[in-house]
Protein backbone atom coordinates (compact mmCIF):
# COMPACT_ATOMS: atom_id res chain seq x y z
CA MET A 1 -48.58 -7.82 100.19
CA GLY A 2 -49.60 -10.46 97.62
CA ALA A 3 -52.22 -8.12 96.11
CA GLN A 4 -49.63 -5.38 95.60
CA LEU A 5 -47.30 -7.83 93.89
CA ARG A 6 -50.12 -8.84 91.54
CA VAL A 7 -50.77 -5.16 90.67
CA TYR A 8 -47.08 -4.56 89.92
CA ARG A 9 -46.85 -7.67 87.76
CA GLN A 10 -49.96 -6.57 85.83
CA ARG A 11 -48.44 -3.12 85.26
CA ILE A 12 -45.19 -4.66 84.03
CA LYS A 13 -47.11 -6.96 81.69
CA SER A 14 -49.17 -4.02 80.41
CA ALA A 15 -46.05 -1.91 79.77
CA THR A 16 -44.38 -4.83 77.97
CA THR A 17 -47.46 -5.31 75.77
CA THR A 18 -47.57 -1.59 74.96
CA LYS A 19 -43.86 -1.69 74.09
CA LYS A 20 -44.42 -4.61 71.69
CA ILE A 21 -47.34 -2.84 70.00
CA THR A 22 -45.32 0.37 69.63
CA ARG A 23 -42.39 -1.54 68.13
CA ALA A 24 -44.69 -3.26 65.63
CA MET A 25 -46.17 0.10 64.62
CA GLU A 26 -42.67 1.52 64.12
CA LEU A 27 -41.73 -1.39 61.87
CA ILE A 28 -44.88 -0.97 59.79
CA SER A 29 -44.35 2.78 59.37
CA ALA A 30 -40.69 2.25 58.44
CA SER A 31 -41.66 -0.21 55.72
CA ARG A 32 -44.32 2.18 54.42
CA ILE A 33 -41.79 5.01 54.25
CA GLN A 34 -39.34 2.79 52.41
CA LYS A 35 -42.01 1.73 49.89
CA ALA A 36 -43.00 5.37 49.34
CA GLN A 37 -39.37 6.35 48.74
CA GLN A 38 -39.02 3.52 46.21
CA ARG A 39 -42.15 4.72 44.38
CA VAL A 40 -40.79 8.27 44.26
CA ALA A 41 -37.47 7.03 42.89
CA ALA A 42 -39.28 4.94 40.28
CA SER A 43 -41.28 7.98 39.14
CA ASN A 44 -38.20 10.13 38.42
CA PRO A 45 -37.87 9.08 34.74
CA PHE A 46 -41.54 9.91 34.19
CA ALA A 47 -41.13 13.30 35.89
CA ARG A 48 -38.11 14.08 33.69
CA ALA A 49 -40.05 13.10 30.55
CA VAL A 50 -43.01 15.30 31.52
CA THR A 51 -40.68 18.20 32.30
CA ARG A 52 -38.95 17.82 28.92
CA ALA A 53 -42.29 17.64 27.10
CA VAL A 54 -43.71 20.72 28.81
CA SER A 55 -40.53 22.72 28.28
CA ALA A 56 -40.42 21.69 24.61
CA VAL A 57 -44.00 22.81 24.09
CA SER A 58 -43.44 26.11 25.86
CA SER A 59 -40.15 26.88 24.11
CA HIS A 60 -41.35 26.05 20.58
CA ALA A 61 -44.74 27.72 20.85
CA ASP A 62 -45.09 31.06 19.08
CA ILE A 63 -48.15 31.91 21.12
CA ASP A 64 -47.98 34.76 23.60
CA HIS A 65 -49.87 33.13 26.44
CA PRO A 66 -49.52 33.94 30.18
CA LEU A 67 -48.76 30.30 30.96
CA THR A 68 -45.85 30.12 28.51
CA THR A 69 -44.24 33.50 29.21
CA GLN A 70 -42.23 34.43 32.26
CA ALA A 71 -43.73 37.12 34.48
CA GLU A 72 -41.60 40.05 35.65
CA ASN A 73 -42.77 39.94 39.27
CA PRO A 74 -44.39 36.57 39.90
CA ILE A 75 -46.88 36.63 42.76
CA ARG A 76 -48.35 33.15 42.40
CA SER A 77 -47.00 29.80 41.37
CA ALA A 78 -48.70 26.66 40.10
CA VAL A 79 -47.90 23.02 40.66
CA VAL A 80 -49.04 20.36 38.20
CA ILE A 81 -49.24 16.92 39.77
CA PHE A 82 -49.57 13.77 37.63
CA THR A 83 -50.51 10.75 39.69
CA SER A 84 -52.58 7.60 39.39
CA ASP A 85 -53.17 7.43 43.12
CA ARG A 86 -55.71 9.91 44.50
CA GLY A 87 -54.36 9.39 48.01
CA LEU A 88 -50.92 10.46 46.82
CA LEU A 89 -52.41 13.53 45.14
CA GLU A 90 -54.27 14.50 48.31
CA HIS A 91 -51.08 14.14 50.35
CA SER A 92 -49.11 16.20 47.81
CA LEU A 93 -51.69 18.97 47.84
CA ARG A 94 -51.60 19.10 51.63
CA ALA A 95 -47.80 19.28 51.55
CA CYS A 96 -47.89 22.11 48.99
CA SER A 97 -50.41 24.11 50.98
CA ARG A 98 -48.20 23.87 54.09
CA SER A 99 -45.03 25.02 52.36
CA PRO A 100 -43.66 28.36 53.66
CA SER A 101 -43.20 29.80 50.15
CA SER A 102 -46.93 29.76 49.32
């Protein structure tokens, strides 16, 4: 009877430890998500500036180039990603390749 009690106590302790580890991992991932969202929000002015610059170049250019003219039936699309973090670029490329529209 004492041996069974020891086994049950060990299982309870193990489950409690696993619960604590899982909770810590959840807290870490939540803080990482929050930091990533803050970085995205901070990059919005830069993204707007790049969009304005590219649209200004394409609208004021008198060159008939495939990249500056609108296609009648577009089959492909391109995404230009400006980032200083290669890890962020790799993640963005993976997200783009998984999108249903591509």
